[in-house]
Amino acid sequence: MNQVVKESLWKQFGASLDMLENALIACPDALWDTETKFWHIAYHTLFFLDYYLSDEPLSFSPPAPFTMAEFEGRLPERVYSKEELLDYLQHGRQKCRTLIAGLTEAGALKRFVDDIADDPTIEIILYNLRHVQHHVGQLNLLLRQGTNDAPEWVGQAGEGL
């Protein structure tokens, strides 16, 4: 796959991940576990980031201490800490960077198949980027409503491919 395309894809996906990280860091303890469930929106975003970056989605399992509760339509058994979610973000960032850096023409066309999707990997990557950014917008709105402040827009990833 063309290196310029891969670098551009990473710059934008990485920027979304940087924005997610900024929102997590900016969230005060008082807003983390309220009726808005800031922590759960962040966790949901990270869980599906990890899932959609998986080579074999039907055998996906998140790293400990995370569970499959997202697939079961329920909250996890406990509230995850900011530190745990920041660690999960780093896991997802590395998984994303590795996938994009190693993407070939054949890899981009490989099918991502699960119970509801049968799409080329390149489309799932774009879908995943949009999903992350959608929830970053929600988190930033919650921060604005709860603190009258939110992190700034990130135009490109802070780290290169």
N, C-alpha and C. Protein backbone atom coordinates (compact mmCIF):
# COMPACT_ATOMS: atom_id res chain seq x y z
N MET A 1 0.86 -1.18 0.00
CA MET A 1 0.00 0.00 0.00
C MET A 1 0.90 1.24 0.00
N ASN A 2 0.46 2.26 -0.63
CA ASN A 2 1.20 3.51 -0.76
C ASN A 2 1.54 4.09 0.61
N GLN A 3 2.79 4.46 0.81
CA GLN A 3 3.26 4.98 2.10
C GLN A 3 2.59 6.30 2.47
N VAL A 4 2.33 7.16 1.50
CA VAL A 4 1.65 8.44 1.78
C VAL A 4 0.25 8.18 2.31
N VAL A 5 -0.44 7.21 1.74
CA VAL A 5 -1.79 6.87 2.20
C VAL A 5 -1.73 6.35 3.63
N LYS A 6 -0.79 5.46 3.91
CA LYS A 6 -0.66 4.91 5.26
C LYS A 6 -0.32 6.01 6.27
N GLU A 7 0.62 6.88 5.92
CA GLU A 7 0.99 7.96 6.84
C GLU A 7 -0.18 8.92 7.08
N SER A 8 -0.93 9.23 6.03
CA SER A 8 -2.09 10.12 6.18
C SER A 8 -3.16 9.47 7.04
N LEU A 9 -3.40 8.20 6.81
CA LEU A 9 -4.39 7.47 7.61
C LEU A 9 -3.98 7.48 9.08
N TRP A 10 -2.70 7.21 9.36
CA TRP A 10 -2.23 7.22 10.74
C TRP A 10 -2.32 8.62 11.36
N LYS A 11 -1.92 9.65 10.61
CA LYS A 11 -1.96 11.01 11.17
C LYS A 11 -3.38 11.36 11.65
N GLN A 12 -4.39 10.93 10.91
CA GLN A 12 -5.76 11.25 11.29
C GLN A 12 -6.30 10.32 12.37
N PHE A 13 -6.03 9.02 12.24
CA PHE A 13 -6.48 8.10 13.28
C PHE A 13 -5.75 8.41 14.59
N GLY A 14 -4.45 8.62 14.50
CA GLY A 14 -3.67 8.96 15.68
C GLY A 14 -4.14 10.26 16.32
N ALA A 15 -4.57 11.22 15.52
CA ALA A 15 -5.11 12.48 16.07
C ALA A 15 -6.38 12.21 16.86
N SER A 16 -7.23 11.33 16.37
CA SER A 16 -8.44 10.96 17.11
C SER A 16 -8.09 10.31 18.44
N LEU A 17 -7.08 9.46 18.43
CA LEU A 17 -6.64 8.82 19.66
C LEU A 17 -6.01 9.83 20.62
N ASP A 18 -5.28 10.80 20.08
CA ASP A 18 -4.73 11.87 20.91
C ASP A 18 -5.86 12.67 21.56
N MET A 19 -6.92 12.92 20.79
CA MET A 19 -8.05 13.67 21.34
C MET A 19 -8.76 12.86 22.41
N LEU A 20 -8.87 11.55 22.22
CA LEU A 20 -9.46 10.69 23.25
C LEU A 20 -8.60 10.73 24.51
N GLU A 21 -7.31 10.63 24.35
CA GLU A 21 -6.41 10.70 25.50
C GLU A 21 -6.55 12.04 26.22
N ASN A 22 -6.62 13.12 25.49
CA ASN A 22 -6.76 14.45 26.09
C ASN A 22 -8.06 14.56 26.89
N ALA A 23 -9.13 13.97 26.37
CA ALA A 23 -10.41 14.01 27.09
C ALA A 23 -10.33 13.20 28.37
N LEU A 24 -9.71 12.03 28.31
CA LEU A 24 -9.56 11.21 29.51
C LEU A 24 -8.75 11.95 30.58
N ILE A 25 -7.65 12.53 30.17
CA ILE A 25 -6.79 13.26 31.11
C ILE A 25 -7.52 14.46 31.70
N ALA A 26 -8.32 15.13 30.89
CA ALA A 26 -9.01 16.35 31.34
C ALA A 26 -10.18 16.07 32.27
N CYS A 27 -10.66 14.84 32.30
CA CYS A 27 -11.85 14.55 33.10
C CYS A 27 -11.51 14.57 34.59
N PRO A 28 -12.16 15.44 35.35
CA PRO A 28 -11.93 15.46 36.80
C PRO A 28 -12.59 14.26 37.46
N ASP A 29 -12.07 13.88 38.61
CA ASP A 29 -12.63 12.73 39.34
C ASP A 29 -14.12 12.88 39.59
N ALA A 30 -14.56 14.12 39.83
CA ALA A 30 -15.96 14.37 40.14
C ALA A 30 -16.89 14.06 38.97
N LEU A 31 -16.39 14.01 37.76
CA LEU A 31 -17.21 13.74 36.57
C LEU A 31 -17.04 12.31 36.07
N TRP A 32 -16.04 11.59 36.57
CA TRP A 32 -15.69 10.25 36.05
C TRP A 32 -16.85 9.26 36.15
N ASP A 33 -17.45 9.16 37.33
CA ASP A 33 -18.51 8.17 37.55
C ASP A 33 -19.77 8.85 38.06
N THR A 34 -20.43 9.55 37.16
CA THR A 34 -21.70 10.19 37.47
C THR A 34 -22.77 9.55 36.59
N GLU A 35 -23.96 10.13 36.62
CA GLU A 35 -25.04 9.59 35.78
C GLU A 35 -24.70 9.67 34.29
N THR A 36 -23.77 10.52 33.90
CA THR A 36 -23.37 10.61 32.48
C THR A 36 -22.50 9.44 32.05
N LYS A 37 -21.93 8.72 33.01
CA LYS A 37 -21.08 7.55 32.73
C LYS A 37 -19.93 7.89 31.80
N PHE A 38 -19.22 8.96 32.09
CA PHE A 38 -18.06 9.35 31.29
C PHE A 38 -17.12 8.17 31.10
N TRP A 39 -16.81 7.48 32.20
CA TRP A 39 -15.88 6.36 32.15
C TRP A 39 -16.37 5.27 31.19
N HIS A 40 -17.70 5.04 31.17
CA HIS A 40 -18.21 3.96 30.33
C HIS A 40 -18.19 4.33 28.85
N ILE A 41 -18.44 5.57 28.53
CA ILE A 41 -18.32 6.00 27.13
C ILE A 41 -16.88 5.82 26.67
N ALA A 42 -15.94 6.20 27.53
CA ALA A 42 -14.52 6.03 27.19
C ALA A 42 -14.19 4.55 27.03
N TYR A 43 -14.66 3.73 27.97
CA TYR A 43 -14.38 2.29 27.88
C TYR A 43 -15.00 1.68 26.62
N HIS A 44 -16.24 2.00 26.34
CA HIS A 44 -16.91 1.52 25.13
C HIS A 44 -16.08 1.86 23.89
N THR A 45 -15.60 3.07 23.84
CA THR A 45 -14.79 3.52 22.70
C THR A 45 -13.52 2.68 22.58
N LEU A 46 -12.85 2.46 23.68
CA LEU A 46 -11.60 1.69 23.67
C LEU A 46 -11.84 0.21 23.39
N PHE A 47 -12.91 -0.34 23.91
CA PHE A 47 -13.24 -1.74 23.66
C PHE A 47 -13.43 -1.96 22.16
N PHE A 48 -14.22 -1.09 21.53
CA PHE A 48 -14.48 -1.28 20.10
C PHE A 48 -13.30 -0.85 19.24
N LEU A 49 -12.49 0.08 19.70
CA LEU A 49 -11.23 0.37 19.01
C LEU A 49 -10.43 -0.92 18.91
N ASP A 50 -10.25 -1.59 20.02
CA ASP A 50 -9.50 -2.84 20.08
C ASP A 50 -10.16 -3.91 19.20
N TYR A 51 -11.45 -4.06 19.33
CA TYR A 51 -12.19 -5.07 18.57
C TYR A 51 -12.03 -4.87 17.06
N TYR A 52 -12.27 -3.65 16.58
CA TYR A 52 -12.22 -3.39 15.14
C TYR A 52 -10.80 -3.43 14.58
N LEU A 53 -9.80 -3.46 15.44
CA LEU A 53 -8.42 -3.62 14.99
C LEU A 53 -7.99 -5.08 15.00
N SER A 54 -8.91 -5.96 15.36
CA SER A 54 -8.58 -7.39 15.49
C SER A 54 -8.54 -8.09 14.15
N ASP A 55 -7.56 -8.96 14.03
CA ASP A 55 -7.40 -9.75 12.82
C ASP A 55 -8.48 -10.83 12.72
N GLU A 56 -8.86 -11.38 13.85
CA GLU A 56 -9.88 -12.44 13.91
C GLU A 56 -10.99 -12.00 14.87
N PRO A 57 -11.95 -11.20 14.40
CA PRO A 57 -12.95 -10.64 15.31
C PRO A 57 -13.80 -11.68 16.04
N LEU A 58 -14.04 -12.83 15.42
CA LEU A 58 -14.89 -13.82 16.07
C LEU A 58 -14.22 -14.49 17.27
N SER A 59 -12.90 -14.35 17.38
CA SER A 59 -12.21 -14.90 18.55
C SER A 59 -11.63 -13.79 19.44
N PHE A 60 -12.14 -12.57 19.27
CA PHE A 60 -11.65 -11.43 20.04
C PHE A 60 -11.90 -11.60 21.53
N SER A 61 -10.93 -11.18 22.31
CA SER A 61 -11.06 -11.09 23.76
C SER A 61 -10.20 -9.92 24.21
N PRO A 62 -10.76 -8.99 24.98
CA PRO A 62 -9.97 -7.84 25.43
C PRO A 62 -8.93 -8.27 26.47
N PRO A 63 -7.89 -7.48 26.66
CA PRO A 63 -6.90 -7.81 27.68
C PRO A 63 -7.49 -7.62 29.09
N ALA A 64 -6.94 -8.34 30.04
CA ALA A 64 -7.36 -8.18 31.44
C ALA A 64 -7.04 -6.76 31.88
N PRO A 65 -7.88 -6.13 32.66
CA PRO A 65 -8.98 -6.67 33.44
C PRO A 65 -10.34 -6.52 32.75
N PHE A 66 -10.33 -6.21 31.47
CA PHE A 66 -11.56 -5.90 30.77
C PHE A 66 -12.33 -7.15 30.38
N THR A 67 -13.64 -7.00 30.21
CA THR A 67 -14.52 -8.14 29.97
C THR A 67 -15.28 -7.96 28.66
N MET A 68 -16.10 -8.93 28.36
CA MET A 68 -16.92 -8.91 27.15
C MET A 68 -18.29 -8.26 27.40
N ALA A 69 -18.44 -7.54 28.49
CA ALA A 69 -19.73 -6.93 28.84
C ALA A 69 -20.30 -6.07 27.71
N GLU A 70 -19.45 -5.43 26.93
CA GLU A 70 -19.94 -4.59 25.83
C GLU A 70 -20.75 -5.40 24.83
N PHE A 71 -20.37 -6.64 24.61
CA PHE A 71 -21.11 -7.51 23.69
C PHE A 71 -22.37 -8.08 24.33
N GLU A 72 -22.46 -7.98 25.64
CA GLU A 72 -23.59 -8.55 26.37
C GLU A 72 -24.63 -7.49 26.72
N GLY A 73 -24.40 -6.24 26.28
CA GLY A 73 -25.37 -5.17 26.51
C GLY A 73 -25.51 -4.76 27.96
N ARG A 74 -24.42 -4.86 28.71
CA ARG A 74 -24.47 -4.48 30.12
C ARG A 74 -23.19 -3.75 30.50
N LEU A 75 -23.26 -3.06 31.63
CA LEU A 75 -22.06 -2.41 32.15
C LEU A 75 -21.11 -3.46 32.71
N PRO A 76 -19.82 -3.18 32.67
CA PRO A 76 -18.87 -4.07 33.36
C PRO A 76 -19.20 -4.15 34.85
N GLU A 77 -18.66 -5.14 35.51
CA GLU A 77 -18.94 -5.37 36.92
C GLU A 77 -18.44 -4.24 37.82
N ARG A 78 -17.51 -3.45 37.33
CA ARG A 78 -16.97 -2.36 38.15
C ARG A 78 -16.61 -1.18 37.27
N VAL A 79 -16.40 -0.05 37.88
CA VAL A 79 -15.95 1.16 37.18
C VAL A 79 -14.45 1.02 36.94
N TYR A 80 -14.02 1.20 35.70
CA TYR A 80 -12.59 1.18 35.40
C TYR A 80 -11.99 2.54 35.71
N SER A 81 -10.78 2.52 36.22
CA SER A 81 -10.10 3.76 36.59
C SER A 81 -9.56 4.47 35.35
N LYS A 82 -9.27 5.73 35.53
CA LYS A 82 -8.67 6.51 34.46
C LYS A 82 -7.35 5.88 34.03
N GLU A 83 -6.56 5.44 34.97
CA GLU A 83 -5.26 4.83 34.66
C GLU A 83 -5.44 3.56 33.83
N GLU A 84 -6.42 2.74 34.20
CA GLU A 84 -6.69 1.52 33.43
C GLU A 84 -7.08 1.85 31.99
N LEU A 85 -7.92 2.87 31.83
CA LEU A 85 -8.36 3.22 30.48
C LEU A 85 -7.25 3.89 29.68
N LEU A 86 -6.39 4.65 30.33
CA LEU A 86 -5.24 5.22 29.63
C LEU A 86 -4.28 4.11 29.18
N ASP A 87 -4.13 3.08 29.99
CA ASP A 87 -3.31 1.92 29.58
C ASP A 87 -3.96 1.21 28.39
N TYR A 88 -5.28 1.04 28.44
CA TYR A 88 -6.00 0.39 27.33
C TYR A 88 -5.87 1.23 26.06
N LEU A 89 -5.88 2.54 26.21
CA LEU A 89 -5.68 3.42 25.07
C LEU A 89 -4.30 3.19 24.45
N GLN A 90 -3.28 3.04 25.26
CA GLN A 90 -1.93 2.79 24.71
C GLN A 90 -1.89 1.45 23.98
N HIS A 91 -2.59 0.46 24.51
CA HIS A 91 -2.70 -0.85 23.85
C HIS A 91 -3.33 -0.66 22.46
N GLY A 92 -4.43 0.08 22.41
CA GLY A 92 -5.13 0.32 21.15
C GLY A 92 -4.30 1.16 20.18
N ARG A 93 -3.61 2.15 20.71
CA ARG A 93 -2.77 3.01 19.86
C ARG A 93 -1.69 2.17 19.17
N GLN A 94 -1.03 1.30 19.95
CA GLN A 94 0.02 0.47 19.37
C GLN A 94 -0.54 -0.52 18.35
N LYS A 95 -1.68 -1.10 18.67
CA LYS A 95 -2.33 -2.04 17.76
C LYS A 95 -2.71 -1.35 16.45
N CYS A 96 -3.21 -0.12 16.56
CA CYS A 96 -3.61 0.66 15.39
C CYS A 96 -2.40 1.04 14.54
N ARG A 97 -1.37 1.53 15.20
CA ARG A 97 -0.15 1.94 14.49
C ARG A 97 0.45 0.74 13.75
N THR A 98 0.53 -0.40 14.42
CA THR A 98 1.09 -1.60 13.82
C THR A 98 0.27 -2.06 12.62
N LEU A 99 -1.05 -2.04 12.75
CA LEU A 99 -1.91 -2.44 11.64
C LEU A 99 -1.70 -1.53 10.43
N ILE A 100 -1.74 -0.23 10.65
CA ILE A 100 -1.63 0.72 9.54
C ILE A 100 -0.22 0.66 8.92
N ALA A 101 0.81 0.60 9.75
CA ALA A 101 2.19 0.56 9.24
C ALA A 101 2.43 -0.67 8.37
N GLY A 102 1.82 -1.78 8.73
CA GLY A 102 2.03 -3.02 7.99
C GLY A 102 1.01 -3.28 6.91
N LEU A 103 0.12 -2.34 6.69
CA LEU A 103 -0.97 -2.54 5.73
C LEU A 103 -0.44 -2.68 4.30
N THR A 104 -0.87 -3.73 3.65
CA THR A 104 -0.55 -3.97 2.25
C THR A 104 -1.84 -3.85 1.45
N GLU A 105 -1.72 -3.87 0.16
CA GLU A 105 -2.92 -3.86 -0.69
C GLU A 105 -3.82 -5.05 -0.35
N ALA A 106 -3.21 -6.22 -0.24
CA ALA A 106 -3.99 -7.42 0.09
C ALA A 106 -4.59 -7.30 1.49
N GLY A 107 -3.82 -6.77 2.43
CA GLY A 107 -4.32 -6.61 3.80
C GLY A 107 -5.48 -5.63 3.87
N ALA A 108 -5.42 -4.58 3.08
CA ALA A 108 -6.49 -3.59 3.06
C ALA A 108 -7.80 -4.18 2.52
N LEU A 109 -7.66 -5.17 1.66
CA LEU A 109 -8.84 -5.80 1.05
C LEU A 109 -9.31 -7.03 1.80
N LYS A 110 -8.51 -7.52 2.77
CA LYS A 110 -8.91 -8.69 3.55
C LYS A 110 -10.23 -8.39 4.24
N ARG A 111 -11.10 -9.37 4.29
CA ARG A 111 -12.43 -9.18 4.86
C ARG A 111 -12.40 -9.22 6.38
N PHE A 112 -13.08 -8.27 6.98
CA PHE A 112 -13.35 -8.27 8.42
C PHE A 112 -14.76 -8.84 8.54
N VAL A 113 -14.85 -10.05 9.07
CA VAL A 113 -16.14 -10.75 9.10
C VAL A 113 -16.49 -11.07 10.54
N ASP A 114 -17.68 -10.61 10.94
CA ASP A 114 -18.24 -10.99 12.23
C ASP A 114 -19.73 -11.23 12.04
N ASP A 115 -20.49 -11.21 13.12
CA ASP A 115 -21.92 -11.52 13.02
C ASP A 115 -22.73 -10.48 12.26
N ILE A 116 -22.20 -9.26 12.13
CA ILE A 116 -22.96 -8.22 11.43
C ILE A 116 -22.21 -7.55 10.29
N ALA A 117 -20.92 -7.78 10.18
CA ALA A 117 -20.12 -7.10 9.15
C ALA A 117 -19.38 -8.09 8.28
N ASP A 118 -19.20 -7.70 7.04
CA ASP A 118 -18.36 -8.42 6.09
C ASP A 118 -17.82 -7.35 5.16
N ASP A 119 -16.78 -6.66 5.64
CA ASP A 119 -16.26 -5.50 4.95
C ASP A 119 -14.75 -5.59 4.81
N PRO A 120 -14.18 -4.88 3.83
CA PRO A 120 -12.72 -4.87 3.72
C PRO A 120 -12.10 -4.15 4.92
N THR A 121 -10.93 -4.58 5.30
CA THR A 121 -10.22 -4.01 6.45
C THR A 121 -10.09 -2.50 6.34
N ILE A 122 -9.82 -1.98 5.16
CA ILE A 122 -9.67 -0.53 5.01
C ILE A 122 -10.94 0.21 5.40
N GLU A 123 -12.11 -0.37 5.09
CA GLU A 123 -13.36 0.26 5.47
C GLU A 123 -13.56 0.19 6.99
N ILE A 124 -13.19 -0.93 7.59
CA ILE A 124 -13.31 -1.07 9.04
C ILE A 124 -12.38 -0.08 9.75
N ILE A 125 -11.20 0.15 9.20
CA ILE A 125 -10.29 1.14 9.79
C ILE A 125 -10.95 2.52 9.79
N LEU A 126 -11.55 2.89 8.66
CA LEU A 126 -12.22 4.20 8.57
C LEU A 126 -13.44 4.25 9.48
N TYR A 127 -14.20 3.18 9.53
CA TYR A 127 -15.36 3.09 10.42
C TYR A 127 -14.91 3.27 11.88
N ASN A 128 -13.83 2.60 12.23
CA ASN A 128 -13.29 2.66 13.58
C ASN A 128 -12.85 4.09 13.93
N LEU A 129 -12.17 4.74 13.02
CA LEU A 129 -11.75 6.13 13.22
C LEU A 129 -12.97 7.02 13.49
N ARG A 130 -14.01 6.85 12.68
CA ARG A 130 -15.22 7.64 12.86
C ARG A 130 -15.89 7.35 14.20
N HIS A 131 -15.87 6.08 14.62
CA HIS A 131 -16.46 5.70 15.90
C HIS A 131 -15.72 6.36 17.06
N VAL A 132 -14.40 6.32 17.01
CA VAL A 132 -13.60 6.98 18.05
C VAL A 132 -13.94 8.47 18.09
N GLN A 133 -13.92 9.13 16.95
CA GLN A 133 -14.14 10.57 16.94
C GLN A 133 -15.55 10.93 17.38
N HIS A 134 -16.53 10.11 17.06
CA HIS A 134 -17.91 10.33 17.51
C HIS A 134 -17.96 10.40 19.04
N HIS A 135 -17.33 9.40 19.68
CA HIS A 135 -17.37 9.37 21.14
C HIS A 135 -16.47 10.41 21.78
N VAL A 136 -15.40 10.79 21.11
CA VAL A 136 -14.58 11.91 21.60
C VAL A 136 -15.45 13.17 21.65
N GLY A 137 -16.27 13.37 20.64
CA GLY A 137 -17.19 14.51 20.65
C GLY A 137 -18.14 14.46 21.84
N GLN A 138 -18.66 13.27 22.15
CA GLN A 138 -19.53 13.13 23.32
C GLN A 138 -18.78 13.46 24.61
N LEU A 139 -17.58 12.92 24.74
CA LEU A 139 -16.80 13.17 25.95
C LEU A 139 -16.47 14.64 26.11
N ASN A 140 -16.12 15.30 25.01
CA ASN A 140 -15.82 16.73 25.08
C ASN A 140 -17.06 17.54 25.44
N LEU A 141 -18.22 17.12 24.95
CA LEU A 141 -19.46 17.80 25.34
C LEU A 141 -19.70 17.64 26.84
N LEU A 142 -19.50 16.43 27.36
CA LEU A 142 -19.66 16.21 28.80
C LEU A 142 -18.68 17.06 29.60
N LEU A 143 -17.46 17.17 29.11
CA LEU A 143 -16.48 18.02 29.80
C LEU A 143 -16.92 19.48 29.78
N ARG A 144 -17.41 19.96 28.64
CA ARG A 144 -17.87 21.36 28.56
C ARG A 144 -19.04 21.59 29.51
N GLN A 145 -19.98 20.64 29.52
CA GLN A 145 -21.14 20.79 30.41
C GLN A 145 -20.76 20.70 31.88
N GLY A 146 -19.78 19.84 32.19
CA GLY A 146 -19.43 19.60 33.58
C GLY A 146 -18.35 20.51 34.13
N THR A 147 -17.50 21.06 33.26
CA THR A 147 -16.37 21.86 33.74
C THR A 147 -16.24 23.20 33.01
N ASN A 148 -17.06 23.40 32.00
CA ASN A 148 -16.97 24.60 31.15
C ASN A 148 -15.64 24.67 30.42
N ASP A 149 -15.04 23.51 30.15
CA ASP A 149 -13.78 23.45 29.43
C ASP A 149 -13.67 22.09 28.75
N ALA A 150 -12.92 22.03 27.67
CA ALA A 150 -12.65 20.77 26.98
C ALA A 150 -11.35 20.92 26.20
N PRO A 151 -10.67 19.82 25.94
CA PRO A 151 -9.42 19.89 25.18
C PRO A 151 -9.63 20.43 23.78
N GLU A 152 -8.56 20.95 23.22
CA GLU A 152 -8.58 21.53 21.87
C GLU A 152 -8.55 20.43 20.80
N TRP A 153 -8.89 20.83 19.60
CA TRP A 153 -8.82 19.99 18.41
C TRP A 153 -7.37 19.59 18.15
N VAL A 154 -7.15 18.37 17.73
CA VAL A 154 -5.82 17.90 17.33
C VAL A 154 -5.88 17.64 15.83
N GLY A 155 -5.04 18.32 15.07
CA GLY A 155 -5.07 18.22 13.61
C GLY A 155 -4.37 16.99 13.06
N GLN A 156 -3.29 16.56 13.70
CA GLN A 156 -2.55 15.38 13.27
C GLN A 156 -1.98 14.69 14.49
N ALA A 157 -1.72 13.39 14.36
CA ALA A 157 -1.16 12.62 15.47
C ALA A 157 0.13 13.25 15.96
N GLY A 158 0.33 13.20 17.26
CA GLY A 158 1.55 13.73 17.85
C GLY A 158 2.76 12.88 17.57
N GLU A 159 2.55 11.62 17.25
CA GLU A 159 3.64 10.69 16.93
C GLU A 159 3.45 10.20 15.50
N GLY A 160 4.55 10.03 14.81
CA GLY A 160 4.50 9.52 13.44
C GLY A 160 4.29 8.03 13.38
N LEU A 161 4.07 7.58 12.18
CA LEU A 161 3.87 6.15 11.94
C LEU A 161 5.16 5.41 12.15
